[in-house]
Amino acid sequence: MATAYILMRFFDVEDQIIFDTRSGALRVYQKGDLYELDMPSYQLAPDTITNIIEEAIGIRPQEVWNARDLVCILENED
């Protein structure tokens, strides 16, 4: 975001910059005085709830989803 701000503010750059990263293309848009970063998303797939997951986080999740990271759905925020 800081790099996009500098490029858009002090150099002749349009209202969008695309950074080529190891995670893929990151796009930054300027919308008035604000900047918007479009982060890449990953397709989630349901996964199996295991005892190892429960031991690691200290609670048994209601659902588990897997992509680049493991996402655990819990009963509540506590």
C-alpha atoms as a PDB file:
ATOM      1  CA  MET A   1       0.000   0.000   0.000  1.00  0.00           C
ATOM      2  CA  ALA A   2       2.799   2.407   0.851  1.00  0.00           C
ATOM      3  CA  THR A   3       4.524   1.796  -2.479  1.00  0.00           C
ATOM      4  CA  ALA A   4       1.268   2.282  -4.354  1.00  0.00           C
ATOM      5  CA  TYR A   5       0.657   5.521  -2.464  1.00  0.00           C
ATOM      6  CA  ILE A   6       4.091   6.894  -3.374  1.00  0.00           C
ATOM      7  CA  LEU A   7       3.779   5.877  -7.041  1.00  0.00           C
ATOM      8  CA  MET A   8       0.279   7.316  -7.402  1.00  0.00           C
ATOM      9  CA  ARG A   9       0.986  10.483  -5.428  1.00  0.00           C
ATOM     10  CA  PHE A  10       4.394  11.507  -6.750  1.00  0.00           C
ATOM     11  CA  PHE A  11       4.697   9.836 -10.152  1.00  0.00           C
ATOM     12  CA  ASP A  12       2.578   9.820 -13.280  1.00  0.00           C
ATOM     13  CA  VAL A  13       0.604   6.663 -12.527  1.00  0.00           C
ATOM     14  CA  GLU A  14      -3.038   6.023 -13.345  1.00  0.00           C
ATOM     15  CA  ASP A  15      -5.628   5.074 -10.714  1.00  0.00           C
ATOM     16  CA  GLN A  16      -4.564   1.409 -10.686  1.00  0.00           C
ATOM     17  CA  ILE A  17      -1.246  -0.368 -10.098  1.00  0.00           C
ATOM     18  CA  ILE A  18      -0.636  -4.091 -10.487  1.00  0.00           C
ATOM     19  CA  PHE A  19       2.225  -5.646  -8.518  1.00  0.00           C
ATOM     20  CA  ASP A  20       3.479  -9.018  -9.754  1.00  0.00           C
ATOM     21  CA  THR A  21       4.203 -11.069  -6.600  1.00  0.00           C
ATOM     22  CA  ARG A  22       4.859 -14.700  -5.726  1.00  0.00           C
ATOM     23  CA  SER A  23       1.257 -14.817  -4.473  1.00  0.00           C
ATOM     24  CA  GLY A  24      -0.020 -13.588  -7.801  1.00  0.00           C
ATOM     25  CA  ALA A  25      -1.154 -10.198  -9.051  1.00  0.00           C
ATOM     26  CA  LEU A  26      -1.927  -7.633  -6.340  1.00  0.00           C
ATOM     27  CA  ARG A  27      -3.982  -4.717  -7.585  1.00  0.00           C
ATOM     28  CA  VAL A  28      -4.188  -1.368  -5.843  1.00  0.00           C
ATOM     29  CA  TYR A  29      -6.880   1.098  -6.886  1.00  0.00           C
ATOM     30  CA  GLN A  30      -7.061   4.768  -5.999  1.00  0.00           C
ATOM     31  CA  LYS A  31     -10.586   5.923  -5.277  1.00  0.00           C
ATOM     32  CA  GLY A  32     -10.484   9.613  -4.421  1.00  0.00           C
ATOM     33  CA  ASP A  33      -8.308   9.973  -1.310  1.00  0.00           C
ATOM     34  CA  LEU A  34      -8.610   6.266  -0.495  1.00  0.00           C
ATOM     35  CA  TYR A  35      -6.696   3.210  -1.703  1.00  0.00           C
ATOM     36  CA  GLU A  36      -8.132  -0.272  -2.159  1.00  0.00           C
ATOM     37  CA  LEU A  37      -6.026  -3.449  -2.236  1.00  0.00           C
ATOM     38  CA  ASP A  38      -7.455  -6.475  -4.023  1.00  0.00           C
ATOM     39  CA  MET A  39      -5.951  -9.495  -2.246  1.00  0.00           C
ATOM     40  CA  PRO A  40      -5.917 -12.921  -3.926  1.00  0.00           C
ATOM     41  CA  SER A  41      -8.415 -15.445  -2.626  1.00  0.00           C
ATOM     42  CA  TYR A  42      -8.207 -19.193  -2.323  1.00  0.00           C
ATOM     43  CA  GLN A  43     -10.865 -21.799  -2.995  1.00  0.00           C
ATOM     44  CA  LEU A  44     -11.815 -23.486   0.271  1.00  0.00           C
ATOM     45  CA  ALA A  45     -12.698 -27.168   0.416  1.00  0.00           C
ATOM     46  CA  PRO A  46     -14.276 -28.990   3.373  1.00  0.00           C
ATOM     47  CA  ASP A  47     -11.816 -31.067   5.362  1.00  0.00           C
ATOM     48  CA  THR A  48     -11.934 -33.658   8.142  1.00  0.00           C
ATOM     49  CA  ILE A  49     -12.046 -32.606  11.775  1.00  0.00           C
ATOM     50  CA  THR A  50      -9.257 -34.505  13.512  1.00  0.00           C
ATOM     51  CA  ASN A  51      -8.116 -34.919  17.100  1.00  0.00           C
ATOM     52  CA  ILE A  52      -4.813 -33.273  16.121  1.00  0.00           C
ATOM     53  CA  ILE A  53      -6.651 -30.085  15.127  1.00  0.00           C
ATOM     54  CA  GLU A  54      -8.590 -30.134  18.389  1.00  0.00           C
ATOM     55  CA  GLU A  55      -5.393 -30.583  20.406  1.00  0.00           C
ATOM     56  CA  ALA A  56      -3.635 -27.806  18.485  1.00  0.00           C
ATOM     57  CA  ILE A  57      -6.319 -25.154  19.063  1.00  0.00           C
ATOM     58  CA  GLY A  58      -7.731 -26.440  22.342  1.00  0.00           C
ATOM     59  CA  ILE A  59     -11.328 -26.857  21.148  1.00  0.00           C
ATOM     60  CA  ARG A  60     -13.128 -29.088  18.661  1.00  0.00           C
ATOM     61  CA  PRO A  61     -14.248 -27.005  15.668  1.00  0.00           C
ATOM     62  CA  GLN A  62     -17.683 -27.377  14.130  1.00  0.00           C
ATOM     63  CA  GLU A  63     -16.251 -27.276  10.608  1.00  0.00           C
ATOM     64  CA  VAL A  64     -12.804 -27.361   9.004  1.00  0.00           C
ATOM     65  CA  TRP A  65     -11.960 -25.937   5.587  1.00  0.00           C
ATOM     66  CA  ASN A  66      -8.667 -26.170   3.743  1.00  0.00           C
ATOM     67  CA  ALA A  67      -6.967 -24.034   1.098  1.00  0.00           C
ATOM     68  CA  ARG A  68      -3.557 -22.472   1.556  1.00  0.00           C
ATOM     69  CA  ASP A  69      -4.326 -22.353   5.290  1.00  0.00           C
ATOM     70  CA  LEU A  70      -6.650 -24.323   7.526  1.00  0.00           C
ATOM     71  CA  VAL A  71      -9.839 -22.479   8.521  1.00  0.00           C
ATOM     72  CA  CYS A  72     -11.700 -23.713  11.600  1.00  0.00           C
ATOM     73  CA  ILE A  73     -15.295 -22.676  12.299  1.00  0.00           C
ATOM     74  CA  LEU A  74     -16.002 -22.500  16.023  1.00  0.00           C
ATOM     75  CA  GLU A  75     -19.284 -22.333  17.935  1.00  0.00           C
ATOM     76  CA  ASN A  76     -18.606 -18.773  19.162  1.00  0.00           C
ATOM     77  CA  GLU A  77     -15.864 -16.189  19.544  1.00  0.00           C
ATOM     78  CA  ASP A  78     -14.973 -17.313  23.073  1.00  0.00           C
END
